[in-house]
Amino acid sequence: MVNLLSSLALLACPLGMGLMMWMMMRGGGHNQPAAPQQSMTPAQQAELAQLRAELDQVRADDRDRSPRR
């Protein structure tokens, strides 16, 4: 009985991995390509530009505050 349990414990990982690989390979229709990404609206582009400018300003401030080496 102990040998049977230890054998099952040793085989659990490889068998589980094989089962997962088999399930991923067969797919089942879940591997459809993602929908193409929609372009940003002008409002989103403006917000992105504002956030990038703000980030540049924060980085510049951080560089100014860091000690010189």
C-alpha atoms as a PDB file:
ATOM      1  CA  MET A   1       0.000   0.000   0.000  1.00  0.00           C
ATOM      2  CA  VAL A   2       2.847   2.384   0.867  1.00  0.00           C
ATOM      3  CA  ASN A   3       4.590   1.577  -2.433  1.00  0.00           C
ATOM      4  CA  LEU A   4       1.392   2.303  -4.339  1.00  0.00           C
ATOM      5  CA  LEU A   5       0.957   5.688  -2.659  1.00  0.00           C
ATOM      6  CA  SER A   6       4.585   6.681  -3.201  1.00  0.00           C
ATOM      7  CA  SER A   7       4.375   5.608  -6.861  1.00  0.00           C
ATOM      8  CA  LEU A   8       1.233   7.696  -7.356  1.00  0.00           C
ATOM      9  CA  ALA A   9       2.917  10.675  -5.721  1.00  0.00           C
ATOM     10  CA  LEU A  10       5.909  10.358  -8.058  1.00  0.00           C
ATOM     11  CA  LEU A  11       3.681  10.109 -11.138  1.00  0.00           C
ATOM     12  CA  ALA A  12       1.270  12.913 -10.206  1.00  0.00           C
ATOM     13  CA  CYS A  13       3.452  15.766 -11.491  1.00  0.00           C
ATOM     14  CA  PRO A  14       4.426  14.303 -14.901  1.00  0.00           C
ATOM     15  CA  LEU A  15       0.912  13.014 -15.559  1.00  0.00           C
ATOM     16  CA  GLY A  16      -0.641  16.333 -14.595  1.00  0.00           C
ATOM     17  CA  MET A  17       1.788  18.210 -16.834  1.00  0.00           C
ATOM     18  CA  GLY A  18       1.047  15.884 -19.746  1.00  0.00           C
ATOM     19  CA  LEU A  19      -2.684  16.350 -19.244  1.00  0.00           C
ATOM     20  CA  MET A  20      -2.330  20.133 -19.219  1.00  0.00           C
ATOM     21  CA  MET A  21      -0.201  20.058 -22.387  1.00  0.00           C
ATOM     22  CA  TRP A  22      -2.724  17.845 -24.144  1.00  0.00           C
ATOM     23  CA  MET A  23      -5.595  20.139 -23.193  1.00  0.00           C
ATOM     24  CA  MET A  24      -3.710  23.186 -24.441  1.00  0.00           C
ATOM     25  CA  MET A  25      -2.787  21.512 -27.733  1.00  0.00           C
ATOM     26  CA  ARG A  26      -6.301  20.480 -28.619  1.00  0.00           C
ATOM     27  CA  GLY A  27      -7.491  24.067 -28.204  1.00  0.00           C
ATOM     28  CA  GLY A  28     -11.237  23.761 -28.435  1.00  0.00           C
ATOM     29  CA  GLY A  29     -11.747  26.985 -30.391  1.00  0.00           C
ATOM     30  CA  HIS A  30     -10.361  29.238 -27.688  1.00  0.00           C
ATOM     31  CA  ASN A  31      -7.322  30.215 -29.747  1.00  0.00           C
ATOM     32  CA  GLN A  32      -9.060  32.812 -31.874  1.00  0.00           C
ATOM     33  CA  PRO A  33      -6.965  35.847 -32.762  1.00  0.00           C
ATOM     34  CA  ALA A  34      -7.576  38.937 -30.685  1.00  0.00           C
ATOM     35  CA  ALA A  35      -9.669  41.711 -32.160  1.00  0.00           C
ATOM     36  CA  PRO A  36      -7.576  44.439 -33.734  1.00  0.00           C
ATOM     37  CA  GLN A  37      -6.857  47.285 -31.361  1.00  0.00           C
ATOM     38  CA  GLN A  38      -8.964  50.318 -32.056  1.00  0.00           C
ATOM     39  CA  SER A  39      -7.244  53.634 -32.641  1.00  0.00           C
ATOM     40  CA  MET A  40      -7.357  56.227 -29.906  1.00  0.00           C
ATOM     41  CA  THR A  41      -9.835  59.056 -29.970  1.00  0.00           C
ATOM     42  CA  PRO A  42      -8.499  62.618 -30.128  1.00  0.00           C
ATOM     43  CA  ALA A  43      -9.389  63.080 -26.458  1.00  0.00           C
ATOM     44  CA  GLN A  44      -7.371  60.000 -25.533  1.00  0.00           C
ATOM     45  CA  GLN A  45      -4.430  61.189 -27.635  1.00  0.00           C
ATOM     46  CA  ALA A  46      -4.517  64.586 -25.903  1.00  0.00           C
ATOM     47  CA  GLU A  47      -4.624  62.943 -22.475  1.00  0.00           C
ATOM     48  CA  LEU A  48      -1.721  60.684 -23.397  1.00  0.00           C
ATOM     49  CA  ALA A  49       0.329  63.661 -24.582  1.00  0.00           C
ATOM     50  CA  GLN A  50      -0.445  65.506 -21.333  1.00  0.00           C
ATOM     51  CA  LEU A  51       0.558  62.493 -19.219  1.00  0.00           C
ATOM     52  CA  ARG A  52       3.804  62.057 -21.167  1.00  0.00           C
ATOM     53  CA  ALA A  53       4.667  65.740 -20.654  1.00  0.00           C
ATOM     54  CA  GLU A  54       3.899  65.411 -16.947  1.00  0.00           C
ATOM     55  CA  LEU A  55       6.097  62.319 -16.697  1.00  0.00           C
ATOM     56  CA  ASP A  56       8.945  64.118 -18.460  1.00  0.00           C
ATOM     57  CA  GLN A  57       8.622  66.984 -15.975  1.00  0.00           C
ATOM     58  CA  VAL A  58       8.687  64.605 -12.990  1.00  0.00           C
ATOM     59  CA  ARG A  59      11.777  62.859 -14.365  1.00  0.00           C
ATOM     60  CA  ALA A  60      13.510  66.208 -14.923  1.00  0.00           C
ATOM     61  CA  ASP A  61      12.674  67.290 -11.363  1.00  0.00           C
ATOM     62  CA  ASP A  62      13.997  63.988 -10.056  1.00  0.00           C
ATOM     63  CA  ARG A  63      17.260  64.415 -11.975  1.00  0.00           C
ATOM     64  CA  ASP A  64      17.651  67.924 -10.538  1.00  0.00           C
ATOM     65  CA  ARG A  65      17.133  66.691  -6.973  1.00  0.00           C
ATOM     66  CA  SER A  66      19.411  63.651  -7.158  1.00  0.00           C
ATOM     67  CA  PRO A  67      22.891  64.145  -5.684  1.00  0.00           C
ATOM     68  CA  ARG A  68      25.708  64.677  -8.150  1.00  0.00           C
ATOM     69  CA  ARG A  69      28.384  61.979  -8.278  1.00  0.00           C
END
